[in-house]
Amino acid sequence: MIFGATAREARSGAGFDGLVVQFGPAACAAFLRTVMLINCVAYQEGKKLSDIPVAEISDYLEKPNTFVWVALRDPDARELAEAKEEFSLHELAVEDAQRGDQRPKVEEYGDSLFAVIQTVELVEGQTELHVGELDVFVGPNYVLSSRRNTTHGFLGVRARAEREPHLLAQGSAFVLYALMDAVVDRYFPVADKLEAELETIENNIFTQGAQRANIEKLYQLKARVLTLRHAVMPLMEAVGRLYGGRVPAICIHTQDYFRDIHDHLVRIATTLDTIRDTISTAIQVNLSMVAIDESEVNKRLAAWAAIFAVFTAFAGVWGMNFKFMPELEWKWGYPMAVGVMVLVCFYMHRRFKKSGWL
């Protein structure tokens, strides 16, 4: 057992696939953090009591005005099952956390909440957005956060919360707000990056020969915008139920904070809708540019076809096999015919050039 291991079992390495190695307390803590446990801390009236062993969680849950904040990373089914027993988590919430790839949401189970938040991150050197998931179980005296497929952690959130004990004294609901706020704040640079990329493509809309590349970039950008939008819109709807009207009892004293998150999500959603509308307009403009280019090509082809039609018409007339055609007997008939064809073609070329067809 990893999550439910006692301090003595963890130090000896018992239960880790039959491997028995002696660890000191510091090495034991480092090993647990490497596997899945990032932090396990008890707080009382907003102040940090201490980092506690997982075996002592149940003792601290019974203390008044105290809650435990546990942070996990990529837990497996067995570890989630142990957490379920430790915190009496609802089986449906644990099933969703185990399955992963959930739509952002906030669900109420009795006096506890289960929140799913998608993390969207920019990865250096890659065009695609990296999507992860943060699952948060919140009860009156505990917070259990579990993150998957994320490159950035939330240690800074814990440090910031500990620097504001008067806010942390509001309990586990404030921790939920702090985690949500951290994720939502990370949406802003992603939205700004998408907006900057759109401006770059717009600057090349009227560049000759770049239409195909622009359409490909616009559709790729549209896919990334939808990725971020799928994380923002459901979360905005879910957070809207945490303030005003009937709210979960655990969030009664933190409604103002969740309203602030909702305002941020509305701003991001508005930005994404603007980007999406602009992308649609840019695609239409780009397609119009393609049609204009094709029209220019068609006009050139039609002009040259008309010019060569002059040669065809005159040659067809003088090529007829009639006996009585006076031009066939003239000494200067051939030069005259060629000269007429050249002059007519030159005149048509000048007219097409002046009209912008050539």
Protein backbone atom coordinates (compact mmCIF):
# COMPACT_ATOMS: atom_id res chain seq x y z
CA MET A 1 0.00 0.00 0.00
CA ILE A 2 1.29 3.46 -0.92
CA PHE A 3 -1.47 5.87 0.08
CA GLY A 4 -2.43 3.97 3.20
CA ALA A 5 1.06 2.82 4.17
CA THR A 6 2.16 3.41 7.72
CA ALA A 7 5.31 5.37 8.40
CA ARG A 8 7.13 2.20 9.47
CA GLU A 9 5.99 0.32 6.33
CA ALA A 10 7.06 3.20 4.10
CA ARG A 11 10.50 3.43 5.72
CA SER A 12 11.11 -0.26 5.21
CA GLY A 13 9.70 -0.26 1.66
CA ALA A 14 7.27 -3.04 2.51
CA GLY A 15 4.51 -3.55 0.00
CA PHE A 16 6.35 -2.08 -2.99
CA ASP A 17 6.28 -5.10 -5.31
CA GLY A 18 8.16 -7.26 -2.83
CA LEU A 19 11.18 -4.95 -2.71
CA VAL A 20 12.42 -4.34 0.80
CA VAL A 21 14.84 -1.44 1.17
CA GLN A 22 15.54 0.59 4.27
CA PHE A 23 14.67 4.30 3.96
CA GLY A 24 15.23 7.14 6.36
CA PRO A 25 12.32 9.50 7.08
CA ALA A 26 13.47 12.09 4.52
CA ALA A 27 14.13 9.48 1.85
CA CYS A 28 10.77 7.88 2.60
CA ALA A 29 8.98 11.19 2.08
CA ALA A 30 10.87 11.81 -1.17
CA PHE A 31 10.02 8.31 -2.39
CA LEU A 32 6.32 8.75 -1.65
CA ARG A 33 6.25 12.10 -3.42
CA THR A 34 7.97 10.55 -6.45
CA VAL A 35 5.41 7.79 -6.66
CA MET A 36 2.19 9.71 -6.17
CA LEU A 37 2.02 11.75 -2.95
CA ILE A 38 3.13 15.34 -3.41
CA ASN A 39 1.98 16.84 -0.12
CA CYS A 40 -0.07 15.85 2.91
CA VAL A 41 -0.54 18.80 5.27
CA ALA A 42 -2.90 19.55 8.17
CA TYR A 43 -4.25 23.08 8.77
CA GLN A 44 -6.07 24.46 11.77
CA GLU A 45 -7.84 27.83 11.69
CA GLY A 46 -5.91 28.74 8.55
CA LYS A 47 -2.48 27.96 9.94
CA LYS A 48 -0.29 25.06 8.92
CA LEU A 49 0.14 22.52 11.67
CA SER A 50 2.61 20.21 9.98
CA ASP A 51 3.27 17.79 7.18
CA ILE A 52 1.67 14.61 8.39
CA PRO A 53 2.12 10.95 7.47
CA VAL A 54 -0.75 9.49 5.51
CA ALA A 55 -1.37 7.05 8.34
CA GLU A 56 -2.33 9.94 10.63
CA ILE A 57 -4.86 11.57 8.29
CA SER A 58 -7.86 10.03 10.04
CA ASP A 59 -6.64 11.41 13.39
CA TYR A 60 -6.51 14.97 12.09
CA LEU A 61 -9.89 14.67 10.37
CA GLU A 62 -11.48 14.31 13.81
CA LYS A 63 -9.96 17.52 15.19
CA PRO A 64 -12.18 20.64 15.28
CA ASN A 65 -11.51 23.55 12.89
CA THR A 66 -8.97 21.40 11.09
CA PHE A 67 -8.73 20.16 7.54
CA VAL A 68 -6.21 18.06 5.64
CA TRP A 69 -4.97 18.97 2.19
CA VAL A 70 -3.55 16.07 0.20
CA ALA A 71 -2.10 16.47 -3.29
CA LEU A 72 -1.60 13.45 -5.55
CA ARG A 73 -0.11 13.00 -9.00
CA ASP A 74 -1.20 10.32 -11.48
CA PRO A 75 -2.71 7.96 -8.87
CA ASP A 76 -3.73 4.49 -9.98
CA ALA A 77 -6.96 2.65 -9.17
CA ARG A 78 -5.59 1.07 -5.98
CA GLU A 79 -4.44 4.41 -4.59
CA LEU A 80 -7.77 6.05 -5.36
CA ALA A 81 -9.56 3.16 -3.66
CA GLU A 82 -7.46 3.75 -0.54
CA ALA A 83 -8.23 7.47 -0.68
CA LYS A 84 -11.93 6.60 -1.01
CA GLU A 85 -11.78 4.62 2.23
CA GLU A 86 -9.75 7.27 4.04
CA PHE A 87 -12.00 10.23 3.16
CA SER A 88 -15.30 8.36 2.56
CA LEU A 89 -15.42 9.60 -1.03
CA HIS A 90 -18.45 8.89 -3.19
CA GLU A 91 -17.89 5.91 -5.47
CA LEU A 92 -19.16 7.71 -8.57
CA ALA A 93 -16.72 10.58 -8.04
CA VAL A 94 -13.85 8.13 -7.55
CA GLU A 95 -14.89 6.27 -10.70
CA ASP A 96 -14.76 9.52 -12.71
CA ALA A 97 -11.36 10.40 -11.29
CA GLN A 98 -10.05 6.93 -12.07
CA ARG A 99 -11.37 6.97 -15.64
CA GLY A 100 -10.07 10.46 -16.45
CA ASP A 101 -10.83 12.48 -19.60
CA GLN A 102 -13.89 13.96 -17.94
CA ARG A 103 -15.79 17.05 -18.99
CA PRO A 104 -15.16 19.98 -16.60
CA LYS A 105 -17.83 19.96 -13.93
CA VAL A 106 -18.67 20.43 -10.26
CA GLU A 107 -20.85 17.76 -8.66
CA GLU A 108 -22.36 17.75 -5.19
CA TYR A 109 -22.43 14.58 -3.11
CA GLY A 110 -24.06 15.25 0.26
CA ASP A 111 -21.81 17.69 2.12
CA SER A 112 -18.89 17.21 -0.29
CA LEU A 113 -18.00 18.36 -3.79
CA PHE A 114 -16.18 16.78 -6.68
CA ALA A 115 -14.68 19.14 -9.27
CA VAL A 116 -13.09 18.27 -12.59
CA ILE A 117 -10.95 21.00 -14.14
CA GLN A 118 -9.05 20.67 -17.41
CA THR A 119 -5.58 22.17 -17.56
CA VAL A 120 -4.50 23.58 -20.92
CA GLU A 121 -0.80 24.27 -21.34
CA LEU A 122 1.52 25.56 -24.03
CA VAL A 123 4.39 23.21 -24.79
CA GLU A 124 7.59 24.73 -26.14
CA GLY A 125 8.31 23.63 -29.68
CA GLN A 126 4.85 22.11 -30.24
CA THR A 127 1.83 23.52 -32.02
CA GLU A 128 -0.75 21.40 -30.18
CA LEU A 129 -2.02 22.33 -26.73
CA HIS A 130 -1.30 19.93 -23.88
CA VAL A 131 -4.52 19.04 -22.03
CA GLY A 132 -4.43 17.57 -18.54
CA GLU A 133 -6.91 17.13 -15.73
CA LEU A 134 -7.20 18.22 -12.13
CA ASP A 135 -9.70 16.34 -9.96
CA VAL A 136 -10.53 17.89 -6.60
CA PHE A 137 -12.48 16.19 -3.81
CA VAL A 138 -13.66 18.73 -1.24
CA GLY A 139 -15.27 17.96 2.10
CA PRO A 140 -15.81 19.97 5.28
CA ASN A 141 -12.46 18.81 6.67
CA TYR A 142 -10.39 17.70 3.70
CA VAL A 143 -9.21 18.55 0.21
CA LEU A 144 -7.84 15.83 -2.04
CA SER A 145 -6.45 17.02 -5.37
CA SER A 146 -5.29 14.64 -8.08
CA ARG A 147 -3.64 15.86 -11.28
CA ARG A 148 -2.97 13.90 -14.44
CA ASN A 149 -0.96 14.66 -17.57
CA THR A 150 0.11 18.09 -16.33
CA THR A 151 3.60 19.51 -16.60
CA HIS A 152 3.04 22.35 -14.12
CA GLY A 153 2.23 21.60 -10.51
CA PHE A 154 0.38 23.56 -7.84
CA LEU A 155 2.98 23.95 -5.11
CA GLY A 156 2.82 27.70 -5.65
CA VAL A 157 -0.91 27.62 -4.88
CA ARG A 158 -0.25 25.98 -1.53
CA ALA A 159 2.52 28.45 -0.72
CA ARG A 160 0.30 31.41 -1.60
CA ALA A 161 -2.57 30.06 0.51
CA GLU A 162 -0.27 29.51 3.48
CA ARG A 163 0.85 33.14 3.26
CA GLU A 164 -2.79 34.21 3.72
CA PRO A 165 -3.98 32.30 6.81
CA HIS A 166 -7.00 34.62 7.24
CA LEU A 167 -8.26 33.35 3.87
CA LEU A 168 -7.20 29.76 4.43
CA ALA A 169 -9.20 29.88 7.67
CA GLN A 170 -12.33 29.75 5.48
CA GLY A 171 -11.57 26.08 5.06
CA SER A 172 -11.47 23.63 2.22
CA ALA A 173 -13.70 25.73 -0.07
CA PHE A 174 -11.00 28.39 -0.26
CA VAL A 175 -8.51 25.72 -1.34
CA LEU A 176 -10.89 24.71 -4.13
CA TYR A 177 -11.06 28.36 -5.18
CA ALA A 178 -7.27 28.72 -5.09
CA LEU A 179 -6.76 25.65 -7.30
CA MET A 180 -9.46 26.75 -9.76
CA ASP A 181 -8.03 30.25 -9.86
CA ALA A 182 -4.55 28.93 -10.63
CA VAL A 183 -5.85 26.82 -13.54
CA VAL A 184 -7.98 29.66 -14.94
CA ASP A 185 -5.06 32.10 -14.72
CA ARG A 186 -3.07 29.70 -16.91
CA TYR A 187 -5.76 29.98 -19.59
CA PHE A 188 -4.97 33.65 -20.20
CA PRO A 189 -1.48 33.23 -21.75
CA VAL A 190 -2.87 30.44 -23.94
CA ALA A 191 -5.66 32.72 -25.20
CA ASP A 192 -3.14 35.54 -25.75
CA LYS A 193 -0.91 33.18 -27.72
CA LEU A 194 -3.81 32.11 -29.93
CA GLU A 195 -4.79 35.74 -30.50
CA ALA A 196 -1.23 36.68 -31.48
CA GLU A 197 -1.05 33.74 -33.87
CA LEU A 198 -4.29 34.86 -35.52
CA GLU A 199 -2.92 38.37 -36.02
CA THR A 200 0.18 36.93 -37.70
CA ILE A 201 -1.95 34.91 -40.11
CA GLU A 202 -4.17 37.93 -40.82
CA ASN A 203 -1.13 39.94 -41.83
CA ASN A 204 -0.38 37.33 -44.52
CA ILE A 205 -3.93 37.03 -45.85
CA PHE A 206 -3.22 39.21 -48.88
CA THR A 207 0.24 37.79 -49.56
CA GLN A 208 0.30 36.37 -53.07
CA GLY A 209 0.61 32.59 -53.16
CA ALA A 210 0.11 32.11 -49.39
CA GLN A 211 -3.59 31.22 -49.51
CA ARG A 212 -3.21 27.45 -49.11
CA ALA A 213 -0.80 27.79 -46.20
CA ASN A 214 -3.08 30.37 -44.56
CA ILE A 215 -6.12 28.09 -44.73
CA GLU A 216 -4.15 25.22 -43.17
CA LYS A 217 -2.91 27.48 -40.36
CA LEU A 218 -6.39 28.88 -39.76
CA TYR A 219 -7.94 25.43 -39.40
CA GLN A 220 -5.14 24.33 -37.07
CA LEU A 221 -5.66 27.47 -35.00
CA LYS A 222 -9.41 26.85 -34.93
CA ALA A 223 -8.80 23.37 -33.51
CA ARG A 224 -6.65 24.81 -30.71
CA VAL A 225 -9.27 27.46 -29.95
CA LEU A 226 -11.90 24.73 -29.64
CA THR A 227 -9.61 22.77 -27.32
CA LEU A 228 -9.37 25.70 -24.93
CA ARG A 229 -13.06 26.51 -25.34
CA HIS A 230 -14.03 22.95 -24.36
CA ALA A 231 -12.15 23.50 -21.10
CA VAL A 232 -13.58 26.97 -20.42
CA MET A 233 -17.28 26.80 -21.26
CA PRO A 234 -18.34 23.78 -19.10
CA LEU A 235 -16.24 25.09 -16.19
CA MET A 236 -17.88 28.52 -16.49
CA GLU A 237 -21.29 26.88 -16.26
CA ALA A 238 -20.24 24.78 -13.26
CA VAL A 239 -18.66 27.68 -11.35
CA GLY A 240 -21.82 29.71 -11.91
CA ARG A 241 -23.59 27.33 -9.51
CA LEU A 242 -21.11 28.09 -6.69
CA TYR A 243 -22.32 31.63 -6.04
CA GLY A 244 -25.69 33.33 -5.90
CA GLY A 245 -28.94 31.48 -5.34
CA ARG A 246 -28.76 27.99 -3.94
CA VAL A 247 -25.10 27.06 -3.42
CA PRO A 248 -23.48 24.05 -1.72
CA ALA A 249 -23.19 24.59 2.02
CA ILE A 250 -19.43 24.25 1.86
CA CYS A 251 -19.18 27.29 -0.46
CA ILE A 252 -21.50 29.70 1.36
CA HIS A 253 -18.66 31.88 2.70
CA THR A 254 -16.58 31.86 -0.49
CA GLN A 255 -19.18 32.92 -3.06
CA ASP A 256 -17.38 36.18 -3.85
CA TYR A 257 -14.24 34.26 -4.83
CA PHE A 258 -16.07 31.92 -7.16
CA ARG A 259 -17.84 34.88 -8.76
CA ASP A 260 -14.40 36.32 -9.50
CA ILE A 261 -13.40 33.06 -11.22
CA HIS A 262 -16.63 33.14 -13.21
CA ASP A 263 -15.84 36.68 -14.37
CA HIS A 264 -12.40 35.56 -15.55
CA LEU A 265 -13.92 32.65 -17.44
CA VAL A 266 -16.44 34.98 -19.09
CA ARG A 267 -13.57 37.19 -20.27
CA ILE A 268 -11.70 34.22 -21.71
CA ALA A 269 -14.85 32.85 -23.36
CA THR A 270 -15.51 36.25 -24.95
CA THR A 271 -11.96 36.35 -26.28
CA LEU A 272 -12.27 32.85 -27.70
CA ASP A 273 -15.59 33.65 -29.36
CA THR A 274 -14.02 36.73 -30.94
CA ILE A 275 -11.07 34.69 -32.17
CA ARG A 276 -13.36 32.02 -33.57
CA ASP A 277 -15.51 34.57 -35.40
CA THR A 278 -12.40 36.26 -36.78
CA ILE A 279 -11.06 32.90 -37.96
CA SER A 280 -14.30 32.24 -39.82
CA THR A 281 -14.10 35.67 -41.45
CA ALA A 282 -10.43 35.15 -42.32
CA ILE A 283 -11.21 31.79 -43.92
CA GLN A 284 -13.94 33.40 -46.04
CA VAL A 285 -11.62 36.23 -47.06
CA ASN A 286 -8.89 33.74 -47.88
CA LEU A 287 -11.28 31.66 -50.00
CA SER A 288 -12.37 34.84 -51.75
CA MET A 289 -8.74 35.61 -52.50
CA VAL A 290 -8.37 32.14 -54.00
CA ALA A 291 -11.47 32.73 -56.14
CA ILE A 292 -10.09 36.10 -57.25
CA ASP A 293 -6.79 34.50 -58.22
CA GLU A 294 -8.62 31.82 -60.16
CA SER A 295 -10.68 34.52 -61.89
CA GLU A 296 -7.49 36.34 -62.88
CA VAL A 297 -6.11 33.12 -64.37
CA ASN A 298 -9.35 32.49 -66.23
CA LYS A 299 -9.30 36.01 -67.66
CA ARG A 300 -5.75 35.57 -68.92
CA LEU A 301 -6.59 32.23 -70.49
CA ALA A 302 -9.70 33.72 -72.14
CA ALA A 303 -7.71 36.67 -73.48
CA TRP A 304 -5.02 34.48 -75.02
CA ALA A 305 -7.68 32.15 -76.42
CA ALA A 306 -9.38 35.13 -78.10
CA ILE A 307 -6.09 36.28 -79.58
CA PHE A 308 -5.28 32.87 -81.02
CA ALA A 309 -8.85 32.62 -82.29
CA VAL A 310 -7.99 35.44 -84.73
CA PHE A 311 -5.31 33.29 -86.34
CA THR A 312 -7.72 30.39 -86.47
CA ALA A 313 -10.50 32.46 -88.08
CA PHE A 314 -8.35 34.05 -90.79
CA ALA A 315 -6.47 30.84 -91.52
CA GLY A 316 -9.80 29.03 -91.75
CA VAL A 317 -11.14 31.50 -94.29
CA TRP A 318 -8.11 31.45 -96.55
CA GLY A 319 -7.69 27.75 -96.11
CA MET A 320 -11.02 26.93 -97.78
CA ASN A 321 -10.73 25.04 -101.07
CA PHE A 322 -12.68 27.39 -103.33
CA LYS A 323 -11.51 27.90 -106.86
CA PHE A 324 -12.43 31.56 -107.21
CA MET A 325 -10.66 33.29 -104.29
CA PRO A 326 -8.87 36.34 -105.68
CA GLU A 327 -6.54 36.60 -102.65
CA LEU A 328 -4.97 33.25 -103.57
CA GLU A 329 -3.76 34.68 -106.87
CA TRP A 330 -2.43 37.98 -105.54
CA LYS A 331 1.33 38.43 -105.40
CA TRP A 332 1.11 40.06 -101.96
CA GLY A 333 -1.81 37.96 -100.69
CA TYR A 334 0.18 35.93 -98.14
CA PRO A 335 2.03 38.89 -96.58
CA MET A 336 -1.24 40.80 -96.47
CA ALA A 337 -3.03 37.91 -94.70
CA VAL A 338 -0.26 37.49 -92.14
CA GLY A 339 -0.10 41.25 -91.63
CA VAL A 340 -3.86 41.49 -91.04
CA MET A 341 -3.72 38.66 -88.50
CA VAL A 342 -0.77 40.24 -86.68
CA LEU A 343 -2.37 43.68 -86.60
CA VAL A 344 -5.69 42.35 -85.29
CA CYS A 345 -3.91 40.25 -82.64
CA PHE A 346 -1.76 43.21 -81.62
CA TYR A 347 -4.85 45.38 -81.30
CA MET A 348 -6.64 42.75 -79.15
CA HIS A 349 -3.54 42.31 -76.98
CA ARG A 350 -3.43 46.06 -76.37
CA ARG A 351 -7.13 46.15 -75.48
CA PHE A 352 -6.83 43.19 -73.07
CA LYS A 353 -3.74 44.74 -71.49
CA LYS A 354 -5.52 48.04 -71.00
CA SER A 355 -8.51 46.26 -69.44
CA GLY A 356 -6.27 44.40 -66.99
CA TRP A 357 -6.87 40.97 -68.41
CA LEU A 358 -3.23 40.49 -69.35
